[in-house]
Protein backbone atom coordinates (compact mmCIF):
# COMPACT_ATOMS: atom_id res chain seq x y z
CA MET A 1 71.10 58.76 217.78
CA ALA A 2 67.91 60.83 217.89
CA ASP A 3 69.24 62.92 220.77
CA ARG A 4 72.43 63.69 218.87
CA ARG A 5 70.72 64.69 215.62
CA TRP A 6 67.88 66.85 216.95
CA PRO A 7 69.87 70.11 216.51
CA HIS A 8 70.29 69.21 212.84
CA TYR A 9 66.52 68.75 212.39
CA ALA A 10 65.76 71.88 214.41
CA ARG A 11 68.20 73.89 212.32
CA TRP A 12 66.64 73.03 208.98
CA GLY A 13 63.13 73.18 210.41
CA LEU A 14 63.75 76.77 211.50
CA LEU A 15 65.14 77.61 208.07
CA ALA A 16 62.01 76.20 206.40
CA ALA A 17 59.80 78.18 208.80
CA ALA A 18 61.75 81.37 208.04
CA VAL A 19 61.39 80.89 204.30
CA LEU A 20 57.65 80.12 204.61
CA THR A 21 57.11 83.20 206.80
CA LEU A 22 59.00 85.40 204.34
CA VAL A 23 56.95 84.09 201.40
CA ILE A 24 53.64 84.72 203.23
CA PHE A 25 54.72 88.23 204.23
CA LEU A 26 55.88 89.21 200.75
CA THR A 27 52.73 87.75 199.16
CA GLN A 28 50.51 89.81 201.43
CA GLN A 29 52.54 92.95 200.75
CA ALA A 30 51.70 92.50 197.07
CA GLN A 31 47.97 92.38 197.83
CA GLN A 32 47.38 95.82 199.33
CA ASN A 33 44.85 97.05 196.73
CA THR A 34 42.05 97.09 199.27
CA HIS A 35 38.55 98.41 198.67
CA VAL A 36 36.95 99.90 201.76
CA SER A 37 33.24 100.60 201.74
CA TYR A 38 31.26 102.01 204.64
CA ALA A 39 27.66 101.66 203.60
CA GLU A 40 25.56 102.60 200.63
CA SER A 41 23.93 105.93 201.29
CA PRO A 42 20.13 105.87 201.20
CA ALA A 43 20.07 109.43 199.82
CA SER A 44 18.10 110.01 196.67
CA SER A 45 20.23 109.84 193.54
CA LYS A 46 18.54 112.98 192.23
CA SER A 47 20.96 115.90 192.01
CA VAL A 48 20.69 119.58 191.16
CA GLN A 49 22.63 118.66 188.03
CA ASP A 50 19.97 116.24 186.78
CA GLY A 51 17.96 117.07 183.69
CA THR A 52 17.23 120.63 182.65
CA ALA A 53 16.33 121.92 186.12
CA GLY A 54 17.52 125.43 186.82
CA THR A 55 16.15 127.10 183.68
CA SER A 56 13.67 129.89 184.35
CA GLY A 57 12.38 130.72 180.88
CA ALA A 58 14.10 134.12 180.98
CA THR A 59 14.85 135.61 177.58
CA VAL A 60 17.47 138.02 176.30
CA PRO A 61 17.63 140.22 173.16
CA THR A 62 19.50 139.14 170.05
CA THR A 63 23.28 139.30 170.06
CA ASP A 64 23.32 142.34 167.77
CA GLU A 65 20.82 144.18 169.95
CA MET A 66 22.93 143.49 173.05
CA LYS A 67 26.07 144.67 171.26
CA THR A 68 24.31 147.95 170.48
CA MET A 69 23.23 148.30 174.12
CA VAL A 70 26.76 147.64 175.39
CA GLN A 71 28.20 150.11 172.91
CA ALA A 72 25.85 152.78 174.27
CA SER A 73 26.42 152.11 177.99
CA PRO A 74 29.34 150.70 179.99
CA VAL A 75 26.96 148.67 182.18
CA VAL A 76 23.91 146.92 180.71
CA ARG A 77 21.46 145.15 183.02
CA LEU A 78 19.01 142.93 181.17
CA THR A 79 15.51 142.34 182.49
CA GLY A 80 15.46 139.76 185.30
CA SER A 81 19.13 140.09 186.28
CA ILE A 82 19.78 139.61 190.00
CA ALA A 83 23.51 140.17 190.57
CA THR A 84 24.55 143.14 192.69
CA TRP A 85 27.95 144.63 193.52
CA ASP A 86 29.67 147.53 195.20
CA GLU A 87 29.50 150.06 192.36
CA ALA A 88 32.06 152.42 193.89
CA ALA A 89 34.60 149.61 194.32
CA VAL A 90 34.02 148.38 190.77
CA ARG A 91 34.34 151.90 189.28
CA LYS A 92 37.59 152.40 191.17
CA ALA A 93 38.93 149.07 189.89
CA ILE A 94 38.03 149.96 186.30
CA GLY A 95 39.60 153.40 186.51
CA LYS A 96 40.02 154.89 183.03
CA ALA A 97 40.00 151.53 181.26
CA ASP A 98 37.27 150.85 178.70
CA ILE A 99 35.65 147.88 180.43
CA ARG A 100 32.02 147.20 179.57
CA ILE A 101 29.74 144.91 181.56
CA ILE A 102 26.60 143.04 180.57
CA VAL A 103 24.40 141.46 183.26
CA ALA A 104 21.86 138.76 182.34
CA PRO A 105 19.22 136.93 184.40
CA PRO A 106 19.78 133.41 185.77
CA GLY A 107 18.25 130.27 184.31
CA LEU A 108 18.90 131.05 180.64
CA THR A 109 18.49 128.33 178.07
CA LYS A 110 21.58 127.13 176.25
CA ASP A 111 20.76 129.25 173.19
CA ALA A 112 20.12 132.41 175.24
CA SER A 113 23.34 131.87 177.20
CA SER A 114 25.26 131.50 173.93
CA ARG A 115 23.88 134.81 172.67
CA VAL A 116 25.17 136.57 175.80
CA ASN A 117 28.60 134.98 175.38
CA GLU A 118 28.72 136.22 171.76
CA VAL A 119 28.47 139.88 172.80
CA SER A 120 32.06 140.55 171.77
CA ASN A 121 32.27 144.17 172.95
CA ALA A 122 31.44 143.20 176.57
CA SER A 123 34.59 142.79 178.67
CA VAL A 124 32.80 141.20 181.64
CA ARG A 125 29.66 139.03 181.48
CA VAL A 126 27.41 138.18 184.41
CA VAL A 127 24.81 135.44 183.95
CA GLY A 128 22.81 135.00 187.12
CA LEU A 129 25.60 135.01 189.71
CA GLN A 130 28.34 133.70 187.41
CA VAL A 131 30.97 136.28 186.40
CA SER A 132 33.28 135.61 183.46
CA ALA A 133 35.79 137.43 181.28
CA SER A 134 38.38 136.46 178.68
CA GLY A 135 37.10 132.89 178.64
CA ARG A 136 37.60 132.45 182.41
CA THR A 137 35.15 132.36 185.31
CA ALA A 138 35.55 133.78 188.81
CA SER A 139 34.27 131.49 191.58
CA PRO A 140 34.44 131.70 195.38
CA SER A 141 36.53 129.04 197.07
CA ASP A 142 35.46 129.37 200.69
CA ALA A 143 32.37 129.76 202.86
CA PRO A 144 32.46 133.60 203.13
CA GLY A 145 32.60 133.88 199.32
CA TRP A 146 29.69 131.48 198.80
CA GLN A 147 27.79 133.26 201.56
CA HIS A 148 28.06 136.60 199.77
CA GLN A 149 27.27 135.10 196.37
CA PHE A 150 24.29 132.87 197.22
CA GLY A 151 23.00 134.58 200.36
CA THR A 152 22.96 138.19 199.09
CA ASP A 153 23.47 137.92 195.28
CA ASP A 154 26.63 140.02 195.82
CA VAL A 155 29.33 139.32 193.21
CA THR A 156 31.62 142.25 194.04
CA ASN A 157 34.69 140.09 194.63
CA GLU A 158 34.10 138.11 191.44
CA MET A 159 33.69 141.36 189.47
CA LEU A 160 36.93 142.77 190.90
CA THR A 161 38.71 139.50 190.07
CA MET A 162 37.62 139.58 186.44
CA ILE A 163 38.43 143.28 186.07
CA ALA A 164 41.90 142.59 187.47
CA LEU A 165 42.25 139.78 184.93
CA VAL A 166 41.29 142.06 182.04
CA ARG A 167 43.67 144.76 183.27
CA HIS A 168 46.47 142.27 184.04
CA GLN A 169 46.56 143.25 187.69
CA PRO A 170 46.73 141.16 190.91
CA SER A 171 43.49 139.57 192.10
CA PRO A 172 41.77 141.09 195.15
CA PRO A 173 41.91 139.29 198.53
CA ASP A 174 39.13 136.93 199.57
CA VAL A 175 36.07 138.47 201.16
CA ALA A 176 35.38 138.45 204.90
CA PRO A 177 32.32 136.62 206.30
CA LEU A 178 29.07 138.57 206.34
CA PRO A 179 28.40 140.38 209.60
CA ARG A 180 25.83 138.73 211.88
CA ARG A 181 23.20 139.84 214.32
CA ASP A 182 20.93 137.96 216.69
CA PRO A 183 17.22 137.95 215.85
CA THR A 184 15.15 140.50 217.70
CA VAL A 185 12.68 139.35 220.33
CA ALA A 186 9.82 139.81 217.85
CA GLU A 187 11.65 137.97 215.05
CA LEU A 188 12.52 135.06 217.32
CA ALA A 189 8.99 134.84 218.71
CA THR A 190 7.49 134.77 215.21
CA ALA A 191 9.87 132.08 214.00
CA THR A 192 9.46 130.00 217.17
CA ALA A 193 5.68 130.05 217.02
CA SER A 194 5.64 128.95 213.39
CA LEU A 195 8.18 126.18 214.03
CA ARG A 196 6.18 124.82 216.96
CA ALA A 197 3.04 124.76 214.85
CA THR A 198 4.31 123.47 211.50
CA GLY A 199 8.03 122.64 211.83
CA ARG A 200 8.93 125.41 209.39
CA TYR A 201 9.12 129.19 209.25
CA LEU A 202 8.85 130.98 205.91
CA ALA A 203 9.68 134.67 206.02
CA PRO A 204 7.95 136.91 203.46
CA GLY A 205 9.61 136.39 200.08
CA ALA A 206 10.92 132.88 200.83
CA THR A 207 10.04 130.13 198.33
CA LEU A 208 10.68 126.97 200.36
CA ALA A 209 7.69 124.67 199.87
CA ASN A 210 6.97 121.31 201.53
CA PRO A 211 10.43 120.38 202.85
CA PRO A 212 10.67 116.75 204.07
CA GLU A 213 9.48 116.15 207.62
CA THR A 214 12.05 113.40 208.15
CA THR A 215 15.40 112.76 206.49
CA LYS A 216 18.33 110.36 206.73
CA ALA A 217 20.59 113.42 206.87
CA PHE A 218 19.93 114.09 210.58
CA PRO A 219 18.61 112.19 213.58
CA GLY A 220 15.13 113.39 214.48
CA LYS A 221 12.77 115.71 212.62
CA PRO A 222 14.49 118.82 211.26
CA LEU A 223 13.14 122.35 211.57
CA TYR A 224 13.33 124.68 208.57
CA VAL A 225 13.80 128.46 208.52
CA ALA A 226 13.57 130.04 205.06
CA LEU A 227 14.28 133.66 204.20
CA PRO A 228 14.57 135.43 200.86
CA THR A 229 17.90 136.66 199.50
CA GLN A 230 19.28 139.11 202.06
CA PRO A 231 20.29 142.71 201.28
CA ALA A 232 23.98 142.95 200.42
CA GLY A 233 26.18 144.62 203.01
CA GLN A 234 23.73 144.22 205.88
CA PRO A 235 24.12 141.84 208.86
CA LEU A 236 22.69 138.36 208.40
CA VAL A 237 20.09 137.39 211.01
CA HIS A 238 21.65 134.42 212.79
CA TYR A 239 18.61 132.27 213.57
CA GLY A 240 20.41 128.95 214.09
CA PRO A 241 22.04 129.37 217.55
CA ALA A 242 19.01 131.17 218.98
CA LEU A 243 16.62 128.48 217.77
CA ALA A 244 18.95 125.69 218.93
CA LYS A 245 18.38 126.97 222.48
CA GLU A 246 14.61 126.98 221.95
CA PHE A 247 14.61 123.48 220.41
CA PRO A 248 17.50 121.54 222.00
CA GLY A 249 18.46 118.39 220.14
CA ARG A 250 16.51 119.29 216.98
CA PRO A 251 18.29 119.76 213.64
CA ILE A 252 17.78 123.29 212.29
CA VAL A 253 18.24 124.07 208.59
CA ALA A 254 18.27 127.79 207.75
CA ILE A 255 18.30 128.99 204.15
CA TYR A 256 18.93 132.59 203.12
CA GLY A 257 18.13 132.88 199.42
CA GLY A 258 20.48 130.21 198.08
CA TRP A 259 22.75 129.96 201.15
CA ILE A 260 22.11 127.05 203.55
CA GLU A 261 23.29 126.72 207.14
CA TYR A 262 22.88 124.00 209.77
CA ASP A 263 22.68 124.16 213.55
CA GLY A 264 21.84 121.42 216.01
CA PRO A 265 23.29 118.00 216.90
CA SER A 266 26.88 117.50 215.70
CA ALA A 267 26.91 120.94 214.02
CA ALA A 268 30.44 121.67 215.22
CA GLU A 269 31.70 118.40 213.73
CA PHE A 270 30.28 118.44 210.24
CA SER A 271 28.51 121.72 209.41
CA ASP A 272 31.61 123.25 207.80
CA VAL A 273 32.39 120.00 205.98
CA ALA A 274 28.85 119.81 204.58
CA THR A 275 28.96 123.44 203.45
CA ALA A 276 32.33 123.06 201.71
CA SER A 277 31.26 119.78 200.13
CA PHE A 278 27.93 121.09 198.82
CA TYR A 279 29.00 124.48 197.46
CA GLY A 280 32.40 123.21 196.38
CA GLN A 281 30.68 120.58 194.25
CA PHE A 282 27.63 122.51 193.04
CA GLY A 283 28.52 126.20 193.42
CA ASP A 284 29.78 126.72 189.87
CA PHE A 285 26.78 124.84 188.51
CA LEU A 286 24.23 126.78 190.57
CA ALA A 287 25.63 130.27 189.95
CA PRO A 288 24.20 130.86 186.44
CA ARG A 289 20.96 128.97 187.08
CA SER A 290 17.67 129.55 188.89
CA TYR A 291 16.66 127.00 191.53
CA PRO A 292 13.78 127.14 194.03
CA GLN A 293 14.77 126.81 197.65
CA ILE A 294 13.17 123.36 197.96
CA GLY A 295 15.46 122.07 195.21
CA LEU A 296 18.54 123.39 196.99
CA VAL A 297 17.44 122.01 200.37
CA GLY A 298 16.74 118.59 198.86
CA ALA A 299 20.18 118.44 197.26
CA TYR A 300 21.82 119.68 200.46
CA LEU A 301 20.10 116.99 202.55
CA ASN A 302 21.25 114.32 200.10
CA GLN A 303 24.81 115.63 200.35
CA VAL A 304 24.71 115.56 204.15
CA THR A 305 23.32 112.01 204.06
CA ASP A 306 26.17 110.90 201.82
CA ILE A 307 28.70 112.48 204.20
CA ARG A 308 27.22 110.83 207.29
CA TYR A 309 27.02 107.43 205.59
CA ALA A 310 30.69 107.76 204.70
CA GLY A 311 31.31 106.99 208.38
CA ILE A 312 32.79 110.36 209.29
CA PHE A 313 30.32 111.41 211.97
CA ASP A 314 27.74 109.90 214.29
CA HIS A 315 26.41 107.10 212.07
CA PRO A 316 27.16 103.70 213.74
CA LEU A 317 30.06 101.74 212.29
CA PRO A 318 29.24 98.47 210.50
CA TYR A 319 30.22 95.07 211.90
CA VAL A 320 33.67 93.96 210.77
CA PRO A 321 34.42 90.21 211.14
CA PHE A 322 37.65 89.15 212.86
CA ASP A 323 40.51 88.80 210.39
CA PRO A 324 43.33 86.56 211.73
CA LEU A 325 45.67 87.54 208.90
CA HIS A 326 45.22 91.24 209.70
CA VAL A 327 46.24 90.53 213.31
CA THR A 328 49.17 88.21 212.57
CA LEU A 329 50.65 90.03 209.56
CA PRO A 330 52.58 92.60 211.67
CA ALA A 331 54.18 89.71 213.61
CA LEU A 332 55.52 87.90 210.53
CA PRO A 333 58.80 89.91 210.32
CA TRP A 334 59.50 89.08 213.97
CA ILE A 335 58.77 85.40 213.39
CA PHE A 336 61.10 85.43 210.39
CA ALA A 337 63.86 87.09 212.42
CA ALA A 338 63.44 84.60 215.28
CA CYS A 339 63.60 81.62 212.90
CA ALA A 340 66.65 83.03 211.10
CA VAL A 341 68.45 83.68 214.37
CA GLY A 342 67.57 80.20 215.62
CA PHE A 343 68.92 78.71 212.41
CA LEU A 344 72.19 80.61 212.85
CA VAL A 345 72.52 79.57 216.48
CA PHE A 346 72.14 75.89 215.61
CA SER A 347 74.50 76.37 212.65
CA ILE A 348 77.41 77.88 214.58
CA ARG A 349 77.39 75.52 217.57
CA PRO A 350 79.84 73.02 216.02
CA ALA A 351 82.05 75.82 214.74
CA LEU A 352 82.48 77.30 218.18
CA HIS A 353 84.56 74.29 219.22
CA ARG A 354 87.11 74.23 216.42
CA ASN A 355 89.24 76.46 214.18
CA HIS A 356 89.35 76.18 210.40
CA PRO A 357 92.52 74.80 208.76
CA SER A 358 94.58 76.43 205.99
CA GLY A 359 95.13 79.76 207.69
CA GLY A 360 91.54 80.08 208.95
CA ALA A 361 92.30 80.39 212.65
CA GLY A 362 89.93 82.78 214.43
CA LEU A 363 87.24 82.72 211.74
CA PRO A 364 84.75 80.66 213.81
CA ALA A 365 85.15 83.15 216.67
CA ARG A 366 84.48 86.03 214.29
CA LEU A 367 81.43 84.19 212.96
CA ALA A 368 80.16 83.73 216.52
CA ALA A 369 80.70 87.41 217.35
CA LEU A 370 78.90 88.64 214.21
CA THR A 371 76.05 86.19 214.84
CA SER A 372 75.72 87.55 218.38
CA LEU A 373 75.52 91.08 216.94
CA ALA A 374 72.83 89.96 214.48
CA VAL A 375 70.80 88.55 217.37
CA GLU A 376 71.20 91.84 219.29
CA VAL A 377 69.91 94.06 216.47
CA SER A 378 67.18 91.71 215.16
CA GLY A 379 64.67 93.04 217.67
CA LEU A 380 65.28 96.65 216.63
CA THR A 381 65.10 96.53 212.85
CA ASP A 382 62.25 97.61 210.59
CA GLY A 383 61.86 98.79 207.00
CA PRO A 384 65.19 99.24 205.15
CA SER A 385 67.17 97.87 208.11
CA ASP A 386 65.22 94.60 207.87
CA ALA A 387 66.57 94.08 204.35
CA ALA A 388 70.16 94.77 205.41
CA LEU A 389 69.79 92.37 208.36
CA ALA A 390 68.39 89.65 206.08
CA ARG A 391 71.39 90.03 203.74
CA GLY A 392 73.78 89.89 206.68
CA ILE A 393 72.17 86.71 208.01
CA THR A 394 72.47 85.17 204.54
CA ASP A 395 76.19 85.97 204.48
CA LEU A 396 76.65 84.48 207.96
CA THR A 397 74.86 81.32 206.84
CA THR A 398 77.19 81.10 203.83
CA ALA A 399 80.23 81.47 206.10
CA ARG A 400 78.93 78.76 208.46
CA GLU A 401 78.38 76.32 205.62
CA ALA A 402 81.82 77.10 204.20
CA ILE A 403 83.39 76.29 207.59
CA ASP A 404 81.41 73.04 207.80
CA GLN A 405 82.62 72.05 204.32
CA ASP A 406 86.26 73.02 205.05
CA LEU A 407 86.38 75.54 202.21
CA GLU A 408 89.26 77.99 201.78
CA ALA A 409 89.71 80.66 204.43
CA LYS A 410 89.60 83.35 201.73
CA PHE A 411 86.01 82.41 200.82
CA ILE A 412 84.97 82.33 204.48
CA ARG A 413 86.64 85.69 205.12
CA GLU A 414 84.81 87.29 202.13
CA ALA A 415 81.45 86.06 203.44
CA LEU A 416 82.21 87.40 206.92
CA ASP A 417 83.39 90.74 205.49
CA SER A 418 80.12 91.05 203.56
CA ALA A 419 78.10 90.15 206.67
CA GLN A 420 80.04 92.71 208.74
CA SER A 421 79.35 95.39 206.10
CA GLU A 422 75.61 94.61 206.12
CA LEU A 423 75.44 94.71 209.92
CA ASP A 424 77.30 98.02 209.84
CA SER A 425 74.57 99.32 207.47
CA VAL A 426 71.91 98.07 209.91
CA ALA A 427 73.50 100.03 212.76
CA LYS A 428 73.73 103.19 210.61
CA LEU A 429 70.05 102.91 209.60
CA LEU A 430 69.08 102.45 213.25
CA GLY A 431 71.28 105.36 214.31
CA ARG A 432 73.04 103.13 216.86
CA ASP A 433 76.81 103.58 216.65
CA ASP A 434 77.22 101.18 219.58
CA TYR A 435 75.97 98.37 217.35
CA ARG A 436 78.43 99.05 214.54
CA PRO A 437 80.82 96.05 214.25
CA ALA A 438 83.85 98.28 214.78
CA ALA A 439 82.51 99.22 218.21
CA TYR A 440 80.72 96.01 219.11
CA LEU A 441 83.27 93.35 218.19
CA PRO A 442 86.53 92.86 220.14
CA GLY A 443 89.39 95.07 218.98
CA SER A 444 91.13 92.25 217.20
CA LEU A 445 88.09 91.73 214.92
CA ALA A 446 87.09 95.37 214.33
């Protein structure tokens, strides 16, 4: 008796396994809100945006006094202002329009900044390196723009953008990178000697004081090269590559006024990312303010540390324990398909040896042929085709049970027609015309 009934037990056991597999798979699909964390960055939480840093104590006249000054002159530069621009290009952009410009120093208090903004007869306002007009602000969006703005105090492109806004004209194109030149033999020798002695080189006019000797931002002790704001329009002395040859394997941080560059280990991989991340996040905040170079370097090193601890570059990956579910989850659809096919195989075995009464001749053979097609395509399906295959298998199961229970041929035929339609959809989704029932089944069943 046991030998004769084992297909019955196997059939329903496979069905139970298929249902259980489907439930597990669908449950896991509903739990995909995963939080991934690399490691908590050890960078200091202090930011250039903390507190009231960036104010310089600079003062400006009263609003009425500034209005009088602007009325008397198309360009008013207040004491302490630092912004420069190509005057010929700006005059050409203004043309015959009555556009008046007021330029204020960086680091103004909130009250002083408000007084500048209230100068109603000024078309364009420049506070530090921030250029605004008509309630809008012009900001660089790439490295060459930030390089001009923070490395040379040149806001020509921002001025032209705001003038175009006031005159309702198209904005100018983005600026090209500053030209470069290698350091002279004397310049390189001076910088190299200072770096060997102290780990830093401060050119006359630079303000970098006591940069950190070690940092989580880079492996090894970094070297610092600090220069004052560079003259606009002149080539930038490219210290980084030259010093990288003199100090192989050492991180080199070069700062030109407010523009920071990195050369050394992994520079090709993350230098551009660090620059875009730092100035993209803090550029608009820094432009109207006054920060010492040490404050900028500290914030830059924190930003680089955060980037490296995000797991993007050469920081070692954390240990991840083995997750059996993560490994087995992709196999669940295949297990479901195998169980479903096994269930169908055990279900149709009795039907292969008899025909259904009441006009149902040939239906078991059609069921067998469609089941064979379902087995063929089960190893190829994924995504939307999986759903169509599952519906087709359900229809075939319904037809098999109807045959076993001697139901009307019309009911069996409807189930088989539905299954054939679903398997046709599977073939279309797979792009396999040879697996469409019309081509796969014998001509009498197509």
